[in-house]
């Protein structure tokens, strides 16, 4: 399997080459490609955090732990310096029944705890699924789920995960989503006594916003044999904790992450 740098650059190029201009909900406009080639990462070969531009592992960890807390208010995020959800929050920081609510707080159904119980007690189940696309409650969400569904699969002591991404902001969102679900796999595997295996991501509408095209061009100009095949970093846990809901953002660090400078771009709201 190729590195995250290589696969990400190929995805951008595929959208630019084969995508079509489309209007979108935000009014910005996109270059969009439906169902591009899937991305696949072997987490035994390193942590798939893009290094063609700097990506904040702290923000990624903070957001994921926020989901795992069942939280839907930005207070926890802001306490840790993470502002990535501010644009969709109301004046009190509330976001409605988004990921945290769907993952942890459905009536009589804590989907994450149910998933962990299933992995431990029925590892061959075909129902190791967490679904954030709750059609009855989409109206109650300030932003409907983009990474909407994932399924786990246990094989020979390894935990694999497949993510379905219905809508993918490839320049800003994709590096976060890839790393976030890789981190989730590590957390789930650590609690259930498994090794991390393959992370597979399939997208529906994969798009580049038109006002991100200069940034995409800059990133692709950085691609060469060294950057595209640069070894991926290793994830380190800085705690003895193994409970999925017992982590702090500082409990994770990376060894061997040597990114190029960040490339900033506006968020389409």
Protein backbone atom coordinates (compact mmCIF):
# COMPACT_ATOMS: atom_id res chain seq x y z
CA UNK A 1 0.00 0.00 0.00
CA UNK A 2 1.22 3.49 -0.86
CA UNK A 3 1.87 6.23 1.70
CA UNK A 4 -0.74 8.80 2.67
CA UNK A 5 1.24 11.49 0.80
CA UNK A 6 1.15 9.48 -2.43
CA UNK A 7 -2.53 8.48 -2.21
CA UNK A 8 -3.63 11.98 -1.23
CA UNK A 9 -1.76 13.61 -4.11
CA UNK A 10 -3.23 11.04 -6.50
CA UNK A 11 -6.74 11.78 -5.21
CA UNK A 12 -6.30 15.52 -5.76
CA UNK A 13 -4.98 14.89 -9.26
CA UNK A 14 -7.84 12.51 -10.04
CA UNK A 15 -10.43 15.13 -9.05
CA UNK A 16 -8.70 17.87 -11.03
CA UNK A 17 -8.43 15.62 -14.11
CA UNK A 18 -11.83 13.94 -14.11
CA UNK A 19 -14.03 16.11 -11.88
CA UNK A 20 -16.78 18.44 -13.03
CA UNK A 21 -17.74 21.92 -11.88
CA UNK A 22 -20.80 21.89 -9.66
CA UNK A 23 -22.76 24.36 -7.59
CA UNK A 24 -23.05 23.45 -3.92
CA UNK A 25 -24.87 24.27 -0.69
CA UNK A 26 -22.22 26.80 0.43
CA UNK A 27 -22.35 28.85 -2.78
CA UNK A 28 -18.58 28.58 -3.28
CA UNK A 29 -18.70 25.95 -6.04
CA UNK A 30 -16.61 22.82 -6.38
CA UNK A 31 -14.72 20.55 -8.72
CA UNK A 32 -16.45 17.28 -7.89
CA UNK A 33 -15.87 13.60 -8.65
CA UNK A 34 -18.30 10.89 -7.58
CA UNK A 35 -16.87 7.75 -6.03
CA UNK A 36 -13.15 8.09 -6.75
CA UNK A 37 -10.77 5.23 -6.13
CA UNK A 38 -10.78 4.15 -2.48
CA UNK A 39 -7.93 4.99 -0.14
CA UNK A 40 -6.37 2.20 1.90
CA UNK A 41 -3.74 2.36 4.64
CA UNK A 42 -1.96 -0.40 6.53
CA UNK A 43 -1.56 1.08 10.01
CA UNK A 44 1.21 -1.40 10.75
CA UNK A 45 3.29 0.67 8.32
CA UNK A 46 2.85 3.93 10.18
CA UNK A 47 0.32 6.56 11.11
CA UNK A 48 -1.24 8.15 7.99
CA UNK A 49 -0.83 11.84 8.78
CA UNK A 50 -0.18 13.95 5.70
CA UNK A 51 3.22 15.67 5.68
CA UNK A 52 2.93 17.53 2.36
CA UNK A 53 1.48 20.23 4.61
CA UNK A 54 1.48 20.40 8.40
CA UNK A 55 -1.65 18.97 10.00
CA UNK A 56 -2.35 19.39 13.72
CA UNK A 57 -2.46 16.04 15.54
CA UNK A 58 -3.63 17.94 18.63
CA UNK A 59 -6.72 19.26 16.84
CA UNK A 60 -7.43 15.83 15.39
CA UNK A 61 -7.18 14.17 18.80
CA UNK A 62 -9.22 16.88 20.49
CA UNK A 63 -12.06 16.60 17.99
CA UNK A 64 -12.12 12.79 18.12
CA UNK A 65 -12.15 12.73 21.93
CA UNK A 66 -14.95 15.30 21.82
CA UNK A 67 -16.99 12.92 19.66
CA UNK A 68 -16.19 10.02 21.99
CA UNK A 69 -17.39 12.07 24.99
CA UNK A 70 -20.77 12.39 23.33
CA UNK A 71 -20.29 16.15 23.38
CA UNK A 72 -22.04 18.53 20.99
CA UNK A 73 -21.00 21.89 22.45
CA UNK A 74 -17.78 23.66 21.48
CA UNK A 75 -16.72 24.47 25.07
CA UNK A 76 -14.46 21.38 25.35
CA UNK A 77 -12.90 22.10 21.97
CA UNK A 78 -12.17 25.71 22.82
CA UNK A 79 -10.66 24.73 26.17
CA UNK A 80 -8.06 22.85 24.13
CA UNK A 81 -7.57 25.60 21.55
CA UNK A 82 -9.57 23.89 18.79
CA UNK A 83 -11.89 26.16 16.79
CA UNK A 84 -12.74 23.96 13.82
CA UNK A 85 -16.46 23.71 14.70
CA UNK A 86 -17.01 27.35 15.63
CA UNK A 87 -18.41 28.29 12.22
CA UNK A 88 -21.40 25.98 12.65
CA UNK A 89 -22.13 26.53 16.35
CA UNK A 90 -24.87 28.79 17.68
CA UNK A 91 -24.21 31.65 20.09
CA UNK A 92 -24.02 29.24 23.03
CA UNK A 93 -21.67 26.83 21.25
CA UNK A 94 -24.33 24.22 20.57
CA UNK A 95 -24.36 22.17 17.36
CA UNK A 96 -27.43 20.00 17.74
CA UNK A 97 -27.49 16.22 17.44
CA UNK A 98 -24.24 15.81 15.52
CA UNK A 99 -21.61 13.05 15.77
CA UNK A 100 -21.17 12.93 19.55
CA UNK A 101 -24.90 12.59 20.13
CA UNK A 102 -25.31 9.94 17.42
CA UNK A 103 -22.26 7.95 18.56
CA UNK A 104 -22.94 7.98 22.31
CA UNK A 105 -26.32 9.42 23.31
CA UNK A 106 -29.06 7.82 21.29
CA UNK A 107 -31.89 6.62 23.54
CA UNK A 108 -30.91 3.17 24.85
CA UNK A 109 -28.08 2.89 22.30
CA UNK A 110 -24.51 3.97 23.00
CA UNK A 111 -23.16 3.00 19.59
CA UNK A 112 -19.47 3.16 20.54
CA UNK A 113 -19.90 1.03 23.68
CA UNK A 114 -22.05 -1.40 21.68
CA UNK A 115 -19.31 -1.58 19.03
CA UNK A 116 -16.63 -2.31 21.62
CA UNK A 117 -18.77 -4.97 23.29
CA UNK A 118 -19.31 -6.55 19.89
CA UNK A 119 -15.62 -6.55 19.01
CA UNK A 120 -14.81 -8.23 22.33
CA UNK A 121 -17.67 -10.72 22.53
CA UNK A 122 -18.75 -11.36 18.93
CA UNK A 123 -15.75 -10.44 16.76
CA UNK A 124 -17.07 -12.17 13.63
CA UNK A 125 -20.30 -10.17 13.69
CA UNK A 126 -21.27 -8.33 10.53
CA UNK A 127 -22.96 -5.69 12.68
CA UNK A 128 -19.87 -3.93 14.06
CA UNK A 129 -21.23 -0.64 12.74
CA UNK A 130 -21.58 2.96 13.89
CA UNK A 131 -23.98 5.10 11.85
CA UNK A 132 -24.15 8.87 12.24
CA UNK A 133 -26.62 9.37 9.36
CA UNK A 134 -29.82 9.38 11.39
CA UNK A 135 -32.39 10.46 8.82
CA UNK A 136 -35.02 11.31 11.42
CA UNK A 137 -32.71 13.79 13.15
CA UNK A 138 -30.86 15.47 10.28
CA UNK A 139 -33.05 18.52 10.83
CA UNK A 140 -31.68 18.77 14.37
CA UNK A 141 -28.02 18.95 13.28
CA UNK A 142 -26.21 22.22 12.53
CA UNK A 143 -24.12 20.27 9.99
CA UNK A 144 -25.18 16.90 8.66
CA UNK A 145 -22.58 14.11 8.95
CA UNK A 146 -19.95 13.98 6.20
CA UNK A 147 -18.16 10.91 7.57
CA UNK A 148 -21.43 9.17 8.15
CA UNK A 149 -20.88 5.42 8.58
CA UNK A 150 -18.11 3.05 9.59
CA UNK A 151 -17.79 -0.69 10.01
CA UNK A 152 -15.18 -2.72 11.87
CA UNK A 153 -13.90 -6.18 10.95
CA UNK A 154 -11.77 -8.47 13.10
CA UNK A 155 -9.45 -10.99 11.47
CA UNK A 156 -6.62 -13.02 13.01
CA UNK A 157 -6.10 -10.57 15.87
CA UNK A 158 -6.23 -7.43 13.69
CA UNK A 159 -8.86 -4.72 13.69
CA UNK A 160 -9.79 -3.28 10.28
CA UNK A 161 -12.13 -0.36 9.64
CA UNK A 162 -14.00 0.90 6.59
CA UNK A 163 -15.31 4.46 6.51
CA UNK A 164 -17.97 5.78 4.14
CA UNK A 165 -17.61 9.51 3.48
CA UNK A 166 -20.73 10.88 1.75
CA UNK A 167 -19.25 14.36 1.18
CA UNK A 168 -15.51 15.05 1.23
CA UNK A 169 -13.81 18.45 1.28
CA UNK A 170 -10.59 16.93 0.04
CA UNK A 171 -8.18 19.82 0.67
CA UNK A 172 -9.19 20.70 4.23
CA UNK A 173 -11.21 17.75 5.46
CA UNK A 174 -9.55 14.65 4.04
CA UNK A 175 -6.24 14.84 5.95
CA UNK A 176 -8.20 15.25 9.21
CA UNK A 177 -10.62 12.41 8.46
CA UNK A 178 -7.87 9.98 7.49
CA UNK A 179 -5.88 10.67 10.65
CA UNK A 180 -8.94 10.82 12.91
CA UNK A 181 -10.16 7.36 11.93
CA UNK A 182 -6.63 5.99 12.14
CA UNK A 183 -6.48 7.32 15.71
CA UNK A 184 -9.91 5.86 16.43
CA UNK A 185 -8.67 2.48 15.23
CA UNK A 186 -5.70 2.67 17.59
CA UNK A 187 -8.00 3.57 20.51
CA UNK A 188 -10.44 0.74 19.72
CA UNK A 189 -7.67 -1.80 19.18
CA UNK A 190 -5.96 -0.81 22.43
CA UNK A 191 -9.16 -1.35 24.44
CA UNK A 192 -10.05 -4.64 22.77
CA UNK A 193 -6.57 -6.18 22.77
CA UNK A 194 -6.14 -6.24 18.99
CA UNK A 195 -3.54 -5.00 16.53
CA UNK A 196 -4.43 -2.20 14.12
CA UNK A 197 -4.90 -3.34 10.55
CA UNK A 198 -6.26 -1.69 7.40
CA UNK A 199 -8.12 1.62 7.22
CA UNK A 200 -10.26 1.84 4.07
CA UNK A 201 -12.07 5.01 3.00
CA UNK A 202 -14.63 5.24 0.22
CA UNK A 203 -16.13 8.58 -0.73
CA UNK A 204 -19.29 9.62 -2.52
CA UNK A 205 -18.98 13.28 -3.57
CA UNK A 206 -15.25 14.03 -3.33
CA UNK A 207 -14.63 17.66 -4.14
CA UNK A 208 -12.19 20.54 -4.17
CA UNK A 209 -13.71 23.93 -3.44
CA UNK A 210 -12.94 26.45 -6.18
CA UNK A 211 -11.40 28.87 -3.69
CA UNK A 212 -8.96 26.10 -2.66
CA UNK A 213 -7.51 25.61 -6.13
CA UNK A 214 -4.44 27.85 -5.55
CA UNK A 215 -3.66 25.94 -2.35
CA UNK A 216 -4.07 22.60 -4.12
CA UNK A 217 -1.67 23.78 -6.83
CA UNK A 218 0.86 24.79 -4.18
CA UNK A 219 0.60 21.44 -2.42
CA UNK A 220 0.99 19.43 -5.62
CA UNK A 221 4.06 21.51 -6.49
CA UNK A 222 5.68 20.02 -3.39
CA UNK A 223 5.32 16.45 -4.63
CA UNK A 224 8.46 14.58 -5.59
CA UNK A 225 9.78 11.08 -4.98
CA UNK A 226 11.02 12.06 -1.51
CA UNK A 227 7.84 13.70 -0.23
CA UNK A 228 5.41 11.23 -1.78
CA UNK A 229 7.15 8.16 -0.40
CA UNK A 230 8.37 9.66 2.88
CA UNK A 231 7.92 7.15 5.74
CA UNK A 232 4.87 7.74 7.85
CA UNK A 233 5.30 8.64 11.53
CA UNK A 234 4.63 6.34 14.47
CA UNK A 235 1.84 7.03 16.99
CA UNK A 236 2.82 6.93 20.66
CA UNK A 237 0.45 6.70 23.63
CA UNK A 238 1.68 8.79 26.57
CA UNK A 239 -0.59 7.08 29.08
CA UNK A 240 -1.34 3.65 30.54
CA UNK A 241 -5.06 4.23 30.00
CA UNK A 242 -6.86 1.80 27.70
CA UNK A 243 -10.48 3.00 28.11
CA UNK A 244 -11.77 4.71 24.97
CA UNK A 245 -13.35 7.55 26.97
CA UNK A 246 -10.43 8.11 29.34
CA UNK A 247 -7.97 10.02 27.12
CA UNK A 248 -6.82 13.63 26.96
CA UNK A 249 -5.42 15.26 23.80
CA UNK A 250 -1.94 15.27 25.35
CA UNK A 251 -1.99 11.46 25.59
CA UNK A 252 -0.94 11.11 21.94
CA UNK A 253 2.24 12.11 20.15
CA UNK A 254 4.04 11.26 16.93
CA UNK A 255 7.60 10.14 16.30
CA UNK A 256 9.10 10.93 12.90
CA UNK A 257 6.57 13.52 11.75
CA UNK A 258 8.47 16.07 9.65
CA UNK A 259 5.86 18.04 7.69
CA UNK A 260 6.26 20.85 5.21
CA UNK A 261 4.70 24.18 6.30
CA UNK A 262 0.96 24.47 6.68
CA UNK A 263 -1.13 25.73 3.77
CA UNK A 264 -4.14 27.70 5.01
CA UNK A 265 -7.47 27.88 3.19
CA UNK A 266 -10.92 29.27 4.03
CA UNK A 267 -13.65 26.94 5.31
CA UNK A 268 -16.81 26.79 3.20
CA UNK A 269 -19.77 27.14 5.57
